[in-house]
Structure formats: C-alpha cells, structure tokens
C-alpha cells in the first residue's frame, strides 16, 4: 500500500493544508494510506480527530511523516518555502515523490537538492491549462480565492460603500471598481465586486477576454494598442515589451482618475510582474481610493507597492497582500486538496506511482526525476 504523507505547513503565515478529511475516501479506495502530521489541519479548521475518523493515521512527529511516506503532499514545498523547504528536502530519500507548489522557475539551490536526492517531484504550478486538467489546476483554484478576497479587502479599506443606496438622507452613488487583468483572479474580482453593487470595468491585453468580462456585467475598457499575439502558453498573458507598457500606462491614467478601487492581477509565469501603475498615476487617483495589488509577491503591478505592507501615498491606499488564499484556509484547503487528490489519482496505479509519459498532464507537471529537471519548459527558463 502506498503511503501519502501530509506534513504541517511551515512557511510563515501558511494556514492551508494539502489534504482535508473529506477528501481521504477517494485515496483510501485505491489503496493509498494517508499519514498526517499532528496538527497539520488545525489552522484550517480540520482537527486530528476528523482525519482519524476518515481513516488517516496521525504521525507522532514530522520525521515520521517523511520517513514512512512514499509521496509527500504539501502546499508550499521546495522553492515555495525557501526558509525551511530545504530542511524538508534533506529529510527525503531517493525514489520518494513530492507534490506541491515548488516555485520551479527559481530557487536553483532547491533544484540542486531535489536532483541530488533523486526526488520525483510534481509542481502544481506546471499543471497544463487544458480541459482534462482543470480539476487539477491549483493555480486557478487559488486565484479564485485571491480575487474574491481582494475585493473584500478593498471594500473594508475604502471610505465608501460599494452599492448604490436610496436613503432618506439622500442617494449613495455606487463605487467604481477597475480590475486590471481578466484571468481567473480578475474575473472573480469582477464578479465579487458586482455582487457587492459596484460599477465595474475590466481590462486585459488579450482582447479575446472581452466577452468574459462583459458576461459578468462589467464594462470592458478598450485601449488603442497593438496587442498582436498577447496570449502565451497555457492561456496566460504573454510578457509584452516596455514600449507597450508605457503606452498602456498613458492610456490607463484616465480610467484610474475616475476609479475608487483598482485591483491589479497581471502576472507572467516565471517573470517579474509588469509595472502598470506608476507613482504619477497614483497621484491622479481620487483621495481615499484604494489599490489592491495581487501581483505584490512578484514585484507588484504598482510602482510603489510593498509586498505584505500597506502604503499611503497622497491620500491613496496601496495594499500589497501576499498569500491571500491562506487568509481563507478552510475553503482554500478544500479546493487545493481536491486538485492534489485528482493529480495523485492520475499518477498512482495499483498502489505505486506509474508515470505514463505519453500523458500530457503527467509529462508537463513532472518537475524532477532521476536526478534531472524533467520539464522542458523549466529547463529552458533555467538555461539547463
């Protein structure tokens, strides 16, 4: 019987867990035993007793989880947990497997350790964006949570209410929300802001998403820019040249000057986030307005964003949240655990890993194997 280990997350502020009790049945049905580190799910609202009720064993120590498990299931591992991720890798042995967010495009020290240990690793960031892999797409799951939470943060910071109200004291006009980037996070932000009653507009360098923005009741902001082939691999926006971003900023300043809330979500996998909002553009915004920069962890879309901090500039509040899914750990863990379980069920056959390299999902998600970086896209980015 294969043993899947679920260690407690050690990244600062990380409250999610890689498996929840309700999801264990699908694993035990195919002969996968689950070993959970004591307290692994408590921060997300899942006590040890709940895991035991569903057939999991509770390990007495972290070392036991790593020693006895054939495959480790984590939220942040390897390069996604730079402080203690390396310590965990040193607990692993050749032939062991690992599934989690691994930051495959960076952290060369972690890559070397994975290779030296001959760990077979699967990076959740590498799950291809194809129809068959949607149920394993953890990036989209977590982006959904982040987009929702970003709007709530903005609503709690803005010194105005979102919806229009007809009151005896007069009419309250609705807040104007502008969402930059219409990926999963952006579309969820649009939908959430609309539910709260705001007047919402959205923009993306990919003209093809106009229909999606408008289907949520928002206005699509059109800019007279030559976008060309603005969509990269996997449906992500492609990195554009600095001249493009310069012209985009010039055209965007008008929209910003009329917005109460701006939520930016623009990111390019493996790259620093593009600067979309400059200091001068912030100054053009109304006093009391709010920017929520969801690209803060990647350097930020706003020039003056500080990751994990709140900045006040000329009456404008700039929020640079990091790891937003960890602020809603119960449902974020539920979604992530389902993504991981679906991937594991694809990989595990008859109580062991059975990697079908003809399968696009397996081939693209595989990060390291037999002491080498197995993913062609990562090898190219890391110049291997």
Protein backbone atom coordinates (compact mmCIF):
# COMPACT_ATOMS: atom_id res chain seq x y z
CA UNK A 1 0.00 0.00 0.00
CA UNK A 2 1.31 3.43 -0.94
CA UNK A 3 1.61 5.88 1.94
CA UNK A 4 0.89 9.55 1.26
CA UNK A 5 2.24 11.89 3.91
CA UNK A 6 0.72 15.26 4.80
CA UNK A 7 3.17 17.39 6.80
CA UNK A 8 2.17 20.53 8.64
CA UNK A 9 2.98 23.64 6.61
CA UNK A 10 5.98 25.59 7.91
CA UNK A 11 6.01 28.65 5.62
CA UNK A 12 5.38 31.77 7.77
CA UNK A 13 1.67 32.57 7.80
CA UNK A 14 0.69 29.49 5.80
CA UNK A 15 -2.54 28.11 7.26
CA UNK A 16 -3.62 25.78 4.45
CA UNK A 17 -3.20 22.02 4.45
CA UNK A 18 -2.65 19.74 1.45
CA UNK A 19 -5.41 17.27 2.31
CA UNK A 20 -8.66 17.57 4.24
CA UNK A 21 -10.57 14.76 5.98
CA UNK A 22 -13.47 14.74 3.50
CA UNK A 23 -11.10 14.06 0.62
CA UNK A 24 -9.40 10.98 2.06
CA UNK A 25 -12.05 8.49 0.95
CA UNK A 26 -11.12 8.77 -2.72
CA UNK A 27 -7.49 7.96 -1.86
CA UNK A 28 -8.13 5.06 0.51
CA UNK A 29 -10.45 3.48 -2.08
CA UNK A 30 -7.50 2.97 -4.42
CA UNK A 31 -5.16 1.66 -1.73
CA UNK A 32 -3.42 4.88 -0.65
CA UNK A 33 -2.90 5.17 3.09
CA UNK A 34 -2.69 8.71 4.46
CA UNK A 35 -0.29 9.68 7.24
CA UNK A 36 -0.90 13.15 8.70
CA UNK A 37 1.42 15.14 10.94
CA UNK A 38 -0.30 16.05 14.21
CA UNK A 39 -1.93 19.47 13.96
CA UNK A 40 -1.46 19.76 10.19
CA UNK A 41 -5.05 20.84 9.56
CA UNK A 42 -5.88 22.74 12.74
CA UNK A 43 -5.24 26.23 11.34
CA UNK A 44 -7.70 25.49 8.52
CA UNK A 45 -10.35 24.09 10.88
CA UNK A 46 -9.60 20.39 10.46
CA UNK A 47 -8.68 18.69 13.79
CA UNK A 48 -6.70 15.46 14.01
CA UNK A 49 -9.81 13.57 15.13
CA UNK A 50 -11.57 14.40 11.86
CA UNK A 51 -8.69 12.85 9.90
CA UNK A 52 -8.74 9.72 12.06
CA UNK A 53 -12.49 9.36 11.54
CA UNK A 54 -11.83 9.17 7.80
CA UNK A 55 -9.12 6.53 8.15
CA UNK A 56 -5.90 8.55 8.33
CA UNK A 57 -3.13 7.83 10.79
CA UNK A 58 -1.71 10.69 12.87
CA UNK A 59 2.09 10.71 12.99
CA UNK A 60 3.88 11.45 16.22
CA UNK A 61 6.48 13.66 14.52
CA UNK A 62 7.40 15.36 11.25
CA UNK A 63 10.30 12.95 10.88
CA UNK A 64 7.89 10.00 10.94
CA UNK A 65 5.87 11.51 8.09
CA UNK A 66 8.96 11.90 5.90
CA UNK A 67 10.45 8.52 6.85
CA UNK A 68 7.36 6.42 6.24
CA UNK A 69 5.75 8.17 3.27
CA UNK A 70 6.21 7.16 -0.34
CA UNK A 71 4.85 10.50 -1.53
CA UNK A 72 4.62 13.83 0.28
CA UNK A 73 1.64 16.13 -0.29
CA UNK A 74 2.34 19.75 0.61
CA UNK A 75 1.04 23.23 -0.12
CA UNK A 76 4.37 25.07 -0.10
CA UNK A 77 7.46 22.95 -0.59
CA UNK A 78 10.88 23.38 -2.16
CA UNK A 79 11.37 26.87 -3.56
CA UNK A 80 7.90 27.94 -2.42
CA UNK A 81 9.13 27.57 1.17
CA UNK A 82 12.68 28.95 0.98
CA UNK A 83 13.20 29.20 4.75
CA UNK A 84 12.52 25.60 5.75
CA UNK A 85 11.77 23.88 2.44
CA UNK A 86 15.42 22.91 2.12
CA UNK A 87 15.32 21.26 5.55
CA UNK A 88 12.37 19.16 4.45
CA UNK A 89 14.13 18.09 1.26
CA UNK A 90 17.08 16.88 3.32
CA UNK A 91 14.67 14.54 5.07
CA UNK A 92 13.74 12.93 1.76
CA UNK A 93 15.31 9.90 0.11
CA UNK A 94 15.89 8.71 -3.43
CA UNK A 95 12.73 7.48 -5.08
CA UNK A 96 10.40 9.42 -2.82
CA UNK A 97 7.86 11.65 -4.55
CA UNK A 98 6.61 15.11 -3.79
CA UNK A 99 3.57 17.11 -4.93
CA UNK A 100 3.13 20.78 -4.10
CA UNK A 101 3.79 24.36 -5.10
CA UNK A 102 7.55 24.31 -5.72
CA UNK A 103 8.41 27.61 -7.47
CA UNK A 104 10.00 25.66 -10.34
CA UNK A 105 11.23 28.73 -12.22
CA UNK A 106 13.50 29.93 -9.41
CA UNK A 107 15.45 28.71 -6.35
CA UNK A 108 18.40 26.91 -8.03
CA UNK A 109 19.59 25.62 -4.63
CA UNK A 110 16.31 23.80 -4.20
CA UNK A 111 16.53 22.37 -7.72
CA UNK A 112 20.02 21.03 -6.98
CA UNK A 113 18.82 19.44 -3.74
CA UNK A 114 15.89 17.77 -5.47
CA UNK A 115 18.25 16.38 -8.09
CA UNK A 116 20.88 15.25 -5.61
CA UNK A 117 18.23 13.47 -3.56
CA UNK A 118 16.76 11.97 -6.76
CA UNK A 119 13.29 13.03 -5.66
CA UNK A 120 10.46 12.64 -8.17
CA UNK A 121 8.63 15.95 -7.85
CA UNK A 122 5.48 17.39 -9.37
CA UNK A 123 4.95 21.15 -9.34
CA UNK A 124 1.35 22.29 -9.11
CA UNK A 125 2.38 25.47 -10.97
CA UNK A 126 3.13 23.34 -14.04
CA UNK A 127 -0.28 21.68 -14.42
CA UNK A 128 -1.20 22.42 -18.06
CA UNK A 129 -4.23 24.58 -18.70
CA UNK A 130 -6.14 22.08 -20.78
CA UNK A 131 -9.70 20.90 -20.33
CA UNK A 132 -8.75 17.49 -18.97
CA UNK A 133 -6.53 19.03 -16.27
CA UNK A 134 -8.99 21.63 -14.98
CA UNK A 135 -9.77 19.56 -11.89
CA UNK A 136 -6.04 19.63 -11.01
CA UNK A 137 -5.40 23.31 -11.74
CA UNK A 138 -4.43 24.60 -8.30
CA UNK A 139 -3.22 27.96 -9.65
CA UNK A 140 -6.74 28.69 -10.87
CA UNK A 141 -8.27 27.47 -7.62
CA UNK A 142 -6.08 29.73 -5.52
CA UNK A 143 -6.54 32.65 -7.94
CA UNK A 144 -10.29 32.32 -7.42
CA UNK A 145 -9.81 32.71 -3.67
CA UNK A 146 -7.41 35.64 -4.13
CA UNK A 147 -9.74 37.51 -6.49
CA UNK A 148 -12.64 37.18 -4.07
CA UNK A 149 -10.62 38.22 -1.04
CA UNK A 150 -9.05 41.19 -2.85
CA UNK A 151 -12.47 42.79 -3.28
CA UNK A 152 -13.34 42.25 0.37
CA UNK A 153 -10.06 43.88 1.38
CA UNK A 154 -10.80 46.85 -0.86
CA UNK A 155 -14.35 47.17 0.48
CA UNK A 156 -13.04 47.14 4.05
CA UNK A 157 -10.48 49.85 3.28
CA UNK A 158 -12.42 52.18 1.01
CA UNK A 159 -14.11 55.01 2.97
CA UNK A 160 -17.23 54.48 0.85
CA UNK A 161 -19.84 51.77 0.43
CA UNK A 162 -19.89 49.71 -2.76
CA UNK A 163 -23.61 49.63 -3.70
CA UNK A 164 -25.94 52.43 -4.72
CA UNK A 165 -28.48 53.14 -1.96
CA UNK A 166 -31.63 55.23 -1.98
CA UNK A 167 -31.98 56.53 1.56
CA UNK A 168 -33.93 59.20 3.41
CA UNK A 169 -30.63 61.02 3.75
CA UNK A 170 -30.11 61.05 0.01
CA UNK A 171 -28.73 58.79 -2.72
CA UNK A 172 -25.44 56.96 -2.21
CA UNK A 173 -23.71 56.57 -5.58
CA UNK A 174 -22.03 53.21 -6.24
CA UNK A 175 -18.27 52.79 -6.04
CA UNK A 176 -16.34 52.45 -9.27
CA UNK A 177 -14.05 49.43 -9.43
CA UNK A 178 -11.44 48.87 -12.16
CA UNK A 179 -9.89 45.40 -12.49
CA UNK A 180 -6.69 45.06 -14.50
CA UNK A 181 -6.15 41.55 -15.81
CA UNK A 182 -9.04 39.25 -16.69
CA UNK A 183 -7.54 35.92 -15.76
CA UNK A 184 -9.12 33.72 -13.09
CA UNK A 185 -8.35 36.15 -10.24
CA UNK A 186 -9.50 39.16 -12.22
CA UNK A 187 -12.76 37.58 -13.33
CA UNK A 188 -13.53 36.50 -9.77
CA UNK A 189 -12.76 40.03 -8.55
CA UNK A 190 -15.14 41.43 -11.17
CA UNK A 191 -17.89 39.01 -10.17
CA UNK A 192 -17.46 39.72 -6.45
CA UNK A 193 -17.40 43.50 -6.90
CA UNK A 194 -20.56 43.28 -9.00
CA UNK A 195 -22.28 41.23 -6.27
CA UNK A 196 -21.44 43.98 -3.80
CA UNK A 197 -23.12 46.51 -6.07
CA UNK A 198 -20.16 48.37 -7.55
CA UNK A 199 -19.94 49.71 -11.08
CA UNK A 200 -17.16 47.57 -12.51
CA UNK A 201 -14.89 47.81 -15.53
CA UNK A 202 -12.11 45.46 -16.57
CA UNK A 203 -9.12 45.46 -18.87
CA UNK A 204 -6.76 42.86 -20.29
CA UNK A 205 -4.12 42.90 -23.02
CA UNK A 206 -5.91 39.90 -24.51
CA UNK A 207 -8.92 41.21 -26.47
CA UNK A 208 -10.40 37.70 -26.53
CA UNK A 209 -11.47 38.02 -22.87
CA UNK A 210 -13.81 40.94 -23.61
CA UNK A 211 -16.81 38.63 -23.81
CA UNK A 212 -15.98 37.05 -20.44
CA UNK A 213 -15.70 40.46 -18.76
CA UNK A 214 -18.99 41.64 -20.21
CA UNK A 215 -20.76 38.38 -19.32
CA UNK A 216 -20.18 39.26 -15.65
CA UNK A 217 -21.87 42.62 -16.05
CA UNK A 218 -18.72 44.72 -16.29
CA UNK A 219 -17.61 47.13 -18.98
CA UNK A 220 -14.55 46.12 -20.96
CA UNK A 221 -12.09 49.02 -21.27
CA UNK A 222 -10.70 49.15 -24.78
CA UNK A 223 -7.37 50.81 -25.49
CA UNK A 224 -5.98 51.62 -28.89
CA UNK A 225 -2.93 49.40 -28.54
CA UNK A 226 -1.34 46.89 -30.87
CA UNK A 227 -1.68 43.71 -28.80
CA UNK A 228 -0.57 41.27 -31.50
CA UNK A 229 -0.09 37.80 -30.09
CA UNK A 230 -0.72 38.76 -26.46
CA UNK A 231 -1.57 35.26 -25.26
CA UNK A 232 1.25 32.94 -24.30
CA UNK A 233 1.29 29.24 -23.49
CA UNK A 234 -1.48 27.78 -21.37
CA UNK A 235 -3.83 30.73 -21.83
CA UNK A 236 -1.68 33.12 -19.80
CA UNK A 237 -0.98 36.67 -20.91
CA UNK A 238 2.41 36.92 -22.59
CA UNK A 239 5.05 39.38 -21.42
CA UNK A 240 4.94 42.49 -23.61
CA UNK A 241 7.73 44.97 -24.35
CA UNK A 242 8.39 48.06 -22.24
CA UNK A 243 7.20 50.34 -25.06
CA UNK A 244 3.83 48.60 -24.98
CA UNK A 245 3.53 49.01 -21.20
CA UNK A 246 4.50 52.69 -21.50
CA UNK A 247 1.68 53.38 -23.96
CA UNK A 248 -0.71 51.31 -21.87
CA UNK A 249 0.07 53.38 -18.76
CA UNK A 250 -0.55 56.60 -20.68
CA UNK A 251 -3.99 55.42 -21.73
CA UNK A 252 -4.88 53.87 -18.39
CA UNK A 253 -4.40 57.04 -16.34
CA UNK A 254 -7.80 58.38 -17.42
CA UNK A 255 -9.58 55.29 -16.10
CA UNK A 256 -7.63 55.37 -12.84
CA UNK A 257 -8.50 59.01 -12.23
CA UNK A 258 -12.18 58.04 -12.20
CA UNK A 259 -11.85 54.86 -10.09
CA UNK A 260 -12.46 54.36 -6.37
CA UNK A 261 -10.85 50.90 -6.34
CA UNK A 262 -8.23 49.41 -8.66
CA UNK A 263 -7.37 45.71 -8.44
CA UNK A 264 -4.36 44.56 -10.44
CA UNK A 265 -3.75 40.90 -11.25
CA UNK A 266 -1.26 40.96 -14.13
CA UNK A 267 1.46 38.33 -13.86
CA UNK A 268 3.59 36.34 -16.29
CA UNK A 269 4.75 32.87 -15.12
CA UNK A 270 8.43 32.85 -14.20
CA UNK A 271 8.81 36.62 -14.70
CA UNK A 272 8.68 39.77 -12.60
CA UNK A 273 5.23 41.32 -12.69
CA UNK A 274 4.92 44.18 -15.22
CA UNK A 275 4.67 47.71 -13.82
CA UNK A 276 1.26 49.02 -14.86
CA UNK A 277 0.70 51.82 -12.34
CA UNK A 278 3.37 54.46 -11.74
CA UNK A 279 3.75 56.95 -8.92
CA UNK A 280 2.37 59.69 -11.19
CA UNK A 281 -0.71 57.57 -11.95
CA UNK A 282 -1.35 57.04 -8.24
CA UNK A 283 -1.31 60.80 -7.75
CA UNK A 284 -4.04 61.15 -10.36
CA UNK A 285 -6.44 58.95 -8.38
CA UNK A 286 -9.16 60.42 -6.13
CA UNK A 287 -8.35 60.90 -2.41
CA UNK A 288 -9.48 57.87 -0.40
CA UNK A 289 -9.19 55.47 -3.34
CA UNK A 290 -7.65 52.03 -2.93
CA UNK A 291 -5.30 49.85 -4.98
CA UNK A 292 -5.09 46.12 -4.24
CA UNK A 293 -2.02 44.71 -5.97
CA UNK A 294 -2.40 40.95 -6.34
CA UNK A 295 0.99 40.76 -8.06
CA UNK A 296 2.77 42.01 -4.94
CA UNK A 297 4.63 38.72 -4.43
CA UNK A 298 6.04 39.04 -7.98
CA UNK A 299 7.27 42.60 -7.54
CA UNK A 300 3.90 44.29 -7.94
CA UNK A 301 1.96 45.94 -10.77
CA UNK A 302 2.10 49.24 -8.92
CA UNK A 303 5.45 51.01 -8.76
CA UNK A 304 5.14 51.80 -5.03
CA UNK A 305 3.67 48.50 -3.82
CA UNK A 306 5.46 46.92 -0.87
CA UNK A 307 4.78 43.17 -0.51
CA UNK A 308 2.91 42.39 2.68
CA UNK A 309 2.50 46.07 3.59
CA UNK A 310 0.02 48.92 3.29
CA UNK A 311 1.34 52.12 1.70
CA UNK A 312 -0.37 55.51 1.89
CA UNK A 313 0.50 57.92 -0.91
CA UNK A 314 -1.22 61.28 -1.48
CA UNK A 315 -4.48 60.03 0.01
CA UNK A 316 -4.40 56.71 -1.89
CA UNK A 317 -4.02 53.40 -0.03
CA UNK A 318 -1.98 50.70 -1.79
CA UNK A 319 -2.39 47.18 -0.40
CA UNK A 320 0.27 44.59 -1.28
CA UNK A 321 -1.22 41.35 0.07
CA UNK A 322 0.81 38.15 -0.09
CA UNK A 323 -0.54 34.60 0.11
CA UNK A 324 -4.19 35.68 0.15
CA UNK A 325 -5.54 32.10 -0.05
CA UNK A 326 -4.05 31.46 3.41
CA UNK A 327 -6.42 34.09 4.81
CA UNK A 328 -9.37 31.83 3.91
CA UNK A 329 -7.71 28.49 4.74
CA UNK A 330 -10.78 26.30 5.11
CA UNK A 331 -12.12 26.60 1.60
CA UNK A 332 -8.70 27.24 0.05
CA UNK A 333 -7.55 23.92 1.54
CA UNK A 334 -10.71 22.20 0.32
CA UNK A 335 -10.06 23.34 -3.24
CA UNK A 336 -6.32 22.67 -3.17
CA UNK A 337 -6.78 19.21 -1.63
CA UNK A 338 -9.16 18.25 -4.42
CA UNK A 339 -6.66 19.42 -7.05
CA UNK A 340 -3.88 17.38 -5.43
CA UNK A 341 -6.05 14.28 -4.99
CA UNK A 342 -7.07 14.34 -8.64
CA UNK A 343 -3.44 14.57 -9.72
CA UNK A 344 -2.38 11.79 -7.34
CA UNK A 345 -5.15 9.51 -8.58
CA UNK A 346 -3.86 10.04 -12.12
CA UNK A 347 -0.29 9.19 -11.07
CA UNK A 348 -0.92 6.24 -8.75
CA UNK A 349 -1.90 2.88 -10.14
CA UNK A 350 -2.16 -0.32 -8.08
CA UNK A 351 -0.52 1.17 -5.02
CA UNK A 352 2.50 2.70 -6.76
CA UNK A 353 3.47 5.61 -8.98
CA UNK A 354 3.01 4.67 -12.60
CA UNK A 355 4.13 7.57 -14.77
CA UNK A 356 2.73 7.48 -18.26
CA UNK A 357 4.96 9.98 -20.06
CA UNK A 358 2.63 9.90 -23.05
CA UNK A 359 0.07 11.68 -20.88
CA UNK A 360 0.40 15.46 -21.30
CA UNK A 361 -0.69 16.17 -17.72
CA UNK A 362 1.93 13.82 -16.26
CA UNK A 363 4.66 14.98 -18.62
CA UNK A 364 4.08 18.71 -18.10
CA UNK A 365 3.58 18.59 -14.31
CA UNK A 366 6.67 16.44 -13.66
CA UNK A 367 9.45 18.70 -12.39
CA UNK A 368 12.39 16.49 -11.37
CA UNK A 369 13.10 12.80 -11.81
CA UNK A 370 16.18 10.58 -11.54
CA UNK A 371 18.45 13.48 -10.63
CA UNK A 372 17.43 15.76 -13.50
CA UNK A 373 14.97 18.54 -14.26
CA UNK A 374 12.45 16.66 -16.38
CA UNK A 375 10.27 19.56 -17.51
CA UNK A 376 11.36 21.02 -20.85
CA UNK A 377 9.86 24.46 -20.18
CA UNK A 378 11.69 24.78 -16.86
CA UNK A 379 14.95 23.58 -18.38
CA UNK A 380 14.69 26.35 -20.97
CA UNK A 381 13.96 29.08 -18.40
CA UNK A 382 16.76 27.88 -16.10
CA UNK A 383 19.12 27.53 -19.09
CA UNK A 384 19.79 23.87 -18.37
